[in-house]
Structure formats: C-alpha cells, structure tokens
Protein backbone atom coordinates (compact mmCIF):
# COMPACT_ATOMS: atom_id res chain seq x y z
CA MET A 1 149.13 165.87 217.03
CA ARG A 2 147.38 168.73 215.44
CA GLU A 3 144.48 167.96 213.37
CA LYS A 4 144.52 169.72 209.96
CA VAL A 5 141.78 172.28 209.44
CA GLY A 6 139.96 172.10 205.99
CA LYS A 7 140.33 175.21 203.95
CA ARG A 8 137.72 176.27 201.56
CA ARG A 9 138.58 175.18 198.08
CA GLY A 10 138.87 177.92 195.57
CA PRO A 11 137.33 177.62 191.91
CA ASN A 12 139.53 175.62 189.85
CA ARG A 13 139.82 175.78 186.02
CA ARG A 14 136.78 173.36 185.49
CA ASP A 15 134.71 175.47 187.90
CA GLY A 16 135.57 178.74 185.98
CA ALA A 17 134.45 176.89 182.57
CA ASN A 18 131.17 176.17 184.39
CA PHE A 19 130.60 179.53 185.69
CA ALA A 20 131.37 181.02 182.31
CA ALA A 21 129.24 178.62 180.46
CA LEU A 22 126.22 179.46 182.89
CA ARG A 23 126.65 183.10 182.17
CA ARG A 24 126.63 182.35 178.38
CA ALA A 25 123.62 180.07 178.79
CA ALA A 26 121.61 182.92 180.72
CA LYS A 27 122.36 185.12 177.79
CA GLY A 28 121.45 182.61 175.19
CA GLU A 29 125.01 182.23 173.96
CA PHE A 30 125.29 178.38 173.83
CA GLY A 31 128.65 177.84 172.24
CA SER A 32 130.37 174.52 172.02
CA GLY A 33 132.37 174.99 174.95
CA ALA A 34 129.12 175.76 177.13
CA HIS A 35 127.71 172.49 176.01
CA ARG A 36 130.70 170.50 177.31
CA HIS A 37 130.46 171.91 180.68
CA TYR A 38 126.83 173.05 181.14
CA ASN A 39 123.53 171.34 180.32
CA ALA A 40 121.14 173.88 178.62
CA ARG A 41 118.00 171.69 179.29
CA PRO A 42 117.06 173.23 182.69
CA MET A 43 117.16 176.57 181.31
CA ASN A 44 114.96 175.44 178.49
CA ALA A 45 112.76 173.81 180.98
CA VAL A 46 112.50 177.09 182.81
CA ILE A 47 111.57 178.88 179.57
CA ASP A 48 108.90 176.40 178.76
CA ARG A 49 107.36 176.52 182.30
CA LYS A 50 107.06 180.39 181.98
CA GLN A 51 105.65 180.18 178.40
CA ALA A 52 103.11 177.53 179.76
CA HIS A 53 102.30 179.82 182.65
CA GLU A 54 101.74 182.88 180.38
CA ALA A 55 99.46 180.79 178.05
CA SER A 56 97.37 179.45 180.98
CA LYS A 57 96.94 183.10 182.25
CA LEU A 58 95.91 184.12 178.70
CA ALA A 59 93.15 181.35 178.42
CA LYS A 60 91.80 182.17 181.86
CA ARG A 61 91.79 185.91 181.01
CA LEU A 62 89.73 185.14 177.92
CA ARG A 63 87.43 182.83 179.58
CA HIS A 64 86.84 185.24 182.31
CA GLN A 65 86.19 188.04 180.01
CA VAL A 66 83.77 185.88 177.93
CA GLY A 67 81.85 184.63 180.94
CA GLN A 68 81.62 188.31 182.35
CA ALA A 69 80.23 189.63 178.80
CA ILE A 70 77.66 186.69 178.98
CA ALA A 71 76.45 187.50 182.38
CA ASP A 72 76.54 191.34 181.92
CA PHE A 73 74.24 191.35 178.90
CA ASN A 74 72.50 187.91 179.78
CA MET A 75 73.58 186.52 176.23
CA ILE A 76 72.85 182.85 177.01
CA GLU A 77 70.09 181.57 178.91
CA GLU A 78 68.60 178.09 179.88
CA GLY A 79 67.86 176.02 176.86
CA ASP A 80 69.25 178.35 174.31
CA ARG A 81 70.34 176.91 171.09
CA VAL A 82 73.38 178.91 170.12
CA MET A 83 74.61 179.11 166.40
CA VAL A 84 78.33 180.00 166.20
CA CYS A 85 79.08 181.70 162.95
CA LEU A 86 82.42 180.21 162.08
CA SER A 87 84.27 181.97 159.39
CA GLY A 88 87.62 180.20 159.63
CA GLY A 89 89.34 183.22 161.25
CA LYS A 90 91.22 183.57 164.43
CA ASP A 91 88.13 185.31 166.06
CA SER A 92 85.37 182.88 165.37
CA TYR A 93 87.69 179.80 166.23
CA THR A 94 88.58 181.38 169.47
CA LEU A 95 84.93 182.15 170.31
CA LEU A 96 83.79 178.58 169.55
CA ASP A 97 86.77 177.15 171.53
CA ILE A 98 86.04 179.21 174.61
CA LEU A 99 82.22 178.68 174.54
CA ARG A 100 82.75 174.92 174.38
CA ARG A 101 84.99 175.13 177.51
CA LEU A 102 82.52 177.42 179.24
CA GLN A 103 79.65 175.10 178.34
CA ALA A 104 81.03 172.20 180.36
CA LYS A 105 80.70 174.30 183.49
CA ALA A 106 78.20 176.73 182.70
CA PRO A 107 75.29 177.36 185.15
CA VAL A 108 72.53 176.77 182.35
CA ARG A 109 72.20 174.18 179.80
CA PHE A 110 72.64 175.29 176.20
CA GLU A 111 73.23 173.79 172.88
CA LEU A 112 76.25 174.87 170.68
CA ALA A 113 76.52 174.24 166.87
CA ALA A 114 78.93 175.73 164.37
CA VAL A 115 77.61 177.08 161.04
CA HIS A 116 80.05 178.02 158.04
CA LEU A 117 79.20 179.81 154.82
CA ASP A 118 81.03 178.56 151.75
CA GLN A 119 81.04 181.55 149.58
CA LYS A 120 82.79 179.90 146.54
CA GLN A 121 86.09 182.04 146.80
CA PRO A 122 88.87 180.78 144.74
CA GLY A 123 91.42 178.50 146.50
CA TYR A 124 88.86 177.59 149.25
CA ASP A 125 89.52 174.10 150.75
CA PRO A 126 86.32 172.58 151.72
CA ASP A 127 87.76 169.94 153.86
CA ILE A 128 89.60 172.05 156.38
CA LEU A 129 86.61 173.15 158.65
CA PRO A 130 84.73 169.76 158.40
CA SER A 131 87.79 167.94 159.59
CA TYR A 132 88.53 170.19 162.33
CA LEU A 133 84.82 170.20 163.70
CA ARG A 134 84.52 166.36 163.32
CA GLY A 135 87.57 166.10 165.45
CA LEU A 136 86.15 168.20 168.13
CA GLY A 137 82.62 166.42 167.94
CA VAL A 138 80.97 169.74 167.39
CA PRO A 139 77.60 169.66 165.47
CA PHE A 140 78.00 171.71 162.23
CA GLN A 141 76.54 172.77 159.10
CA VAL A 142 78.34 174.13 155.95
CA LEU A 143 76.05 176.50 153.91
CA GLU A 144 76.86 177.08 150.15
CA GLN A 145 76.18 180.45 148.47
CA ASP A 146 78.27 181.93 145.68
CA THR A 147 78.47 185.32 147.13
CA TYR A 148 82.02 185.81 145.62
CA SER A 149 80.67 186.00 142.00
CA VAL A 150 78.02 188.50 143.02
CA VAL A 151 80.44 190.86 144.87
CA LYS A 152 82.91 190.69 141.93
CA ARG A 153 80.19 191.47 139.38
CA VAL A 154 78.71 194.33 141.36
CA ILE A 155 81.70 196.07 143.01
CA PRO A 156 83.99 197.73 140.65
CA GLU A 157 87.66 196.73 140.70
CA GLY A 158 89.64 198.36 143.41
CA LYS A 159 86.47 199.41 145.53
CA THR A 160 85.83 198.16 148.97
CA MET A 161 83.86 194.73 148.88
CA CYS A 162 83.55 194.24 152.51
CA SER A 163 80.16 195.91 153.10
CA LEU A 164 78.21 194.02 150.25
CA CYS A 165 79.94 190.76 151.15
CA SER A 166 78.96 190.96 154.83
CA ARG A 167 75.26 191.90 154.00
CA LEU A 168 75.07 188.89 151.83
CA ARG A 169 76.73 186.58 154.27
CA ARG A 170 74.54 187.96 156.92
CA GLY A 171 71.43 187.29 155.09
CA SER A 172 72.42 183.62 154.45
CA LEU A 173 73.25 182.99 157.99
CA TYR A 174 70.48 184.75 159.54
CA THR A 175 67.78 183.00 157.30
CA TYR A 176 69.36 179.64 158.20
CA ALA A 177 69.32 180.36 161.90
CA ALA A 178 65.63 181.45 161.88
CA GLU A 179 64.69 178.22 159.80
CA ALA A 180 66.68 175.87 161.92
CA GLY A 181 65.21 177.21 165.28
CA TYR A 182 68.47 178.82 166.84
CA THR A 183 67.67 181.17 169.62
CA LYS A 184 70.94 183.15 169.51
CA ILE A 185 73.55 183.76 166.89
CA ALA A 186 77.05 184.03 168.19
CA LEU A 187 79.27 186.52 166.25
CA GLY A 188 83.15 186.79 166.66
CA HIS A 189 83.55 190.54 166.93
CA HIS A 190 85.84 191.72 169.66
CA ARG A 191 86.70 194.90 171.68
CA ASP A 192 88.77 196.28 169.05
CA ASP A 193 86.06 195.73 166.32
CA ILE A 194 83.75 197.66 168.56
CA VAL A 195 86.07 200.56 169.05
CA GLU A 196 86.87 200.69 165.47
CA THR A 197 83.23 200.75 164.32
CA LEU A 198 82.67 203.73 166.69
CA PHE A 199 85.17 205.72 164.86
CA LEU A 200 84.17 204.53 161.41
CA ASN A 201 80.65 205.82 162.27
CA LEU A 202 82.00 209.00 163.76
CA PHE A 203 84.26 209.89 160.97
CA HIS A 204 82.17 208.75 158.04
CA GLN A 205 78.51 208.69 158.99
CA ALA A 206 78.29 211.55 161.63
CA THR A 207 76.76 209.03 163.99
CA LEU A 208 77.98 208.17 167.69
CA LYS A 209 77.36 204.39 167.63
CA ALA A 210 79.27 201.25 167.62
CA MET A 211 78.55 197.42 167.84
CA PRO A 212 76.39 196.48 170.84
CA PRO A 213 77.40 193.25 172.54
CA LYS A 214 73.74 192.14 172.21
CA LEU A 215 70.85 193.12 169.72
CA ARG A 216 68.08 191.96 167.67
CA SER A 217 68.42 191.65 164.05
CA ASP A 218 66.78 194.43 161.72
CA ASP A 219 64.06 191.80 160.52
CA GLY A 220 63.28 190.79 164.21
CA ARG A 221 63.84 187.23 163.65
CA ASN A 222 67.34 186.70 165.57
CA VAL A 223 69.04 187.83 168.66
CA LEU A 224 72.66 188.42 168.03
CA ILE A 225 75.35 188.11 170.62
CA ARG A 226 79.11 189.07 170.81
CA PRO A 227 80.66 187.07 173.66
CA LEU A 228 84.18 188.44 172.78
CA ALA A 229 82.97 191.90 173.34
CA TYR A 230 85.55 192.40 176.39
CA CYS A 231 88.42 190.70 174.57
CA ALA A 232 91.48 192.37 173.01
CA GLU A 233 92.34 191.38 169.42
CA SER A 234 96.03 190.90 170.39
CA ASP A 235 95.02 188.31 173.13
CA ILE A 236 92.75 186.53 170.48
CA ALA A 237 95.64 186.43 167.96
CA GLU A 238 98.05 184.94 170.45
CA TYR A 239 95.37 182.50 171.73
CA ALA A 240 94.62 181.23 168.05
CA ARG A 241 98.46 180.84 167.46
CA LEU A 242 98.89 178.87 170.63
CA GLN A 243 95.96 176.75 169.98
CA GLY A 244 97.07 175.98 166.25
CA PHE A 245 93.75 176.70 164.79
CA PRO A 246 93.62 175.92 161.04
CA ILE A 247 93.06 179.51 159.73
CA MET A 248 91.49 180.04 156.63
CA PRO A 249 92.40 183.44 154.89
CA CYS A 250 89.78 185.53 153.12
CA ASN A 251 90.67 185.72 149.40
CA LEU A 252 88.04 188.27 148.50
CA CYS A 253 89.22 191.33 150.27
CA GLY A 254 92.59 190.38 151.66
CA SER A 255 94.48 192.48 148.96
CA GLN A 256 92.40 195.67 149.57
CA GLU A 257 94.94 198.03 151.38
CA ASN A 258 92.99 201.36 151.60
CA MET A 259 89.94 200.15 153.33
CA GLN A 260 88.45 202.51 155.93
CA ARG A 261 88.57 200.10 158.81
CA LYS A 262 92.32 199.39 158.09
CA GLN A 263 93.12 203.15 158.42
CA ILE A 264 91.17 203.30 161.68
CA LYS A 265 92.84 200.25 162.96
CA ALA A 266 96.24 201.84 162.22
CA MET A 267 95.21 205.01 164.03
CA LEU A 268 94.20 203.12 167.10
CA ALA A 269 97.29 201.08 167.12
CA GLU A 270 99.30 204.14 167.07
CA TRP A 271 97.58 205.69 169.91
CA ASP A 272 97.97 202.33 171.96
CA ARG A 273 101.73 202.54 171.19
CA LYS A 274 102.01 206.12 172.56
CA PHE A 275 99.37 205.75 175.26
CA PRO A 276 98.89 202.10 176.42
CA GLY A 277 95.41 201.45 177.57
CA ARG A 278 93.79 204.12 175.35
CA ILE A 279 91.61 201.57 173.41
CA GLU A 280 90.38 199.96 176.60
CA THR A 281 89.42 203.41 178.05
CA ILE A 282 87.48 204.24 174.91
CA PHE A 283 85.80 200.80 175.04
CA ARG A 284 84.68 201.52 178.55
CA ALA A 285 83.45 205.08 177.66
CA ILE A 286 80.95 203.27 175.05
CA GLY A 287 79.32 201.86 178.25
CA ASN A 288 79.27 205.05 180.15
CA ILE A 289 77.20 207.46 178.28
CA ALA A 290 75.86 210.66 179.61
CA PRO A 291 73.12 212.01 177.17
CA SER A 292 72.66 215.10 179.01
CA GLN A 293 76.26 215.83 178.24
CA LEU A 294 75.97 215.37 174.39
CA ALA A 295 73.44 216.98 172.04
CA ASP A 296 70.97 214.49 171.07
CA ARG A 297 67.52 215.92 171.54
CA SER A 298 65.88 212.57 171.10
CA LEU A 299 67.74 211.18 174.10
CA PHE A 300 67.45 214.34 176.45
CA ASP A 301 64.87 217.17 176.66
CA PHE A 302 67.01 220.12 176.30
CA ALA A 303 64.17 222.24 175.11
CA GLY A 304 62.25 221.59 178.31
CA LEU A 305 65.16 222.27 180.57
CA GLY A 306 64.44 225.37 182.66
CA ALA A 307 61.74 226.53 180.41
CA ALA A 308 58.52 228.42 181.65
CA THR A 309 55.66 226.14 181.39
CA GLN A 310 53.27 228.93 180.04
CA ALA A 311 55.69 230.52 177.52
CA PRO A 312 55.17 229.94 173.91
CA ARG A 313 57.69 227.75 172.05
CA VAL A 314 59.51 229.90 169.39
CA ASP A 315 60.53 227.69 166.37
CA ALA A 316 63.70 228.15 164.26
CA HIS A 317 61.90 229.79 161.37
CA ALA A 318 60.90 232.65 163.73
CA TRP A 319 64.50 232.93 164.97
CA LEU A 320 66.12 232.78 161.57
CA ALA A 321 63.41 235.12 160.03
CA GLY A 322 63.95 237.63 162.76
CA GLU A 323 60.29 237.92 163.33
CA PRO A 324 59.58 239.95 166.55
CA LEU A 325 57.25 238.48 169.07
CA ARG A 326 53.68 240.15 168.86
CA GLU A 327 52.37 242.05 171.76
CA ASP A 328 49.41 239.90 172.28
CA GLU A 329 51.69 236.64 172.38
CA GLY A 330 54.14 238.52 174.81
CA ALA A 331 51.22 239.23 177.26
CA ALA A 332 50.14 235.64 177.10
CA GLY A 333 53.37 234.59 178.26
C-alpha cells in the first residue's frame, strides 16, 4: 500500500488575513481587522527597546563628553567643593544630573551642591526646585534677590534685558560661592552657547573670543567651569525631555524676539541644516588656534619677523606723514 506523501499546505484565508495585518502593523496601520488577527504588542515592544537603546546611547555620550571635558581642562580635583548653578532650565538640570552620576565613580573625591537664585520673577513657584532636590538628596541653597525689579526699572521696555540680568545674577552667585568656601562654580553653558558667543563677539564687538571651558572670575575669587562644553544643545534638550526634569521658564526675557543671540542661533541652525556638522567643526576650531595666521600683534611678533636687528624701527606716523629717512639714519642702518 502506497504511503501518502504530505504536501506543503498553501496559505488559507486566515493566513492571508494574518499576513495583511502584519504588513499593516509594520506600517502603523492598526485597523480593527488587524487587531483580530495580529497582536501589536510585539511591535510596540520592539519600538520600546529601540527607544531605550537610543536613550542609553545618549546618556553614555553625554557622560563621556562631560568626563572628557573635565579631564581635558582639569576642571575638578581631589577635595573640590563644586557649586552647581541651577537655574531651573534644561542645561543646568542636565549638568547636575550628569555630575551626580560621574561623582559615584569619579577617580577623585569631591563635594557637589546646587545653588539657585530666586530673582522674584512673576509666576515663580518657590516649591519646584526644593522638592526636586530633596527627592534627589542633593544639598542645596536658594538665594533671594529681587533682580527682576531692578532690570525692569533700568532697562527700557522692548530692550534686551539679558546682559544686566546675567551680571546681577553672577554677582549674587559668585559672592555666595566665595563666602561659602566653594572651590569651583559649575555653569551649564554647552557647545552651542560657546559657538554662539564666538559669533556675537565677532559680529558686534570686533573681538575673536568665545566662552572658555574654564576660567577665573574677573575679581579673582572664583574658578568657573563649564563641564557641558563638549555637549550639543540638541542632545541636552532630548536628555532633559527623557529625564522629565521640572523645567522652570524664564518670564523676564522669554518674550524678547529680537535678541542678538537668537539671531545668531537661527543662523547657526540654518548652517547646520544645510551642512551637518558645521557647528562641531567651528567649535573644534576654537581649540585649534594659529596666532601666526591671524593679525593680533600681542600674540605674535610680526614686526620682528625677518627684521634686521640693527635697522631703526619706523613708526606709523613716519609712514603716514611721508617723512624721508635722513642720510645719517640710513648710514647707521
């Protein structure tokens, strides 16, 4: 008796519905028919795993960049007392969070505390930051100074308030840091802030300078560090969103649309859309200076380059006045 040979079973009507549902699921078209024959949870689980992976990569990238900046510029040393200036914005929240994570595994021991300045702006909620910081177990101090009224009184309506506001804020924070014995003040400026400042000074001050990752304050009392110097603002914004930081908006200057910094930011954003990576290239150039290829006579001795050692130095007045060199001076040369 011949044994029946099994045949490959072709897709039946139910299989076809499953395949169609799978295609719709892959495209995000989860209709009612698809739900009857296809469970969307595995697809959502794949998406969730991918998002978690991307979030983990972002956190690692930011921690690496902050750690690299700290090492490159020797920002934090053994026994330092670091005061993190916490404004309530995405940058300072991210700075505090990453420094806390690095502190747990840092090769040096250092203290970390958050300091916030209540500037008495309208609508300010005094409970947001204290509640958040108590939950973290981070030592903190909230200072109070009515800089809002001062700025509103001094600056005419419609004019940029940022310059005066930041000076008053820095004065309060720096004075407190010196009195409280902090050895370093950590600020939340990032890579994009540094590049924007470069162009602000270039376009409006005729000066080629930006924000250094580390510097001493003008009064000499404080050392300022910017651990986010290598971090892109877009990464910081995404990290803050994922972490769910309780962002506190600035009501003092948030409505000023024509600030010079915003114009620079828009220019750089347009460049980066057309030429991805340009902001990073500009930032790298800030750390790759060739003084002999610029024109700053205080940084490079152009006058002495190739000059005869015994020749008299002719000043600008002589050149502009067209005074001929006397014969006795020429002979001496």
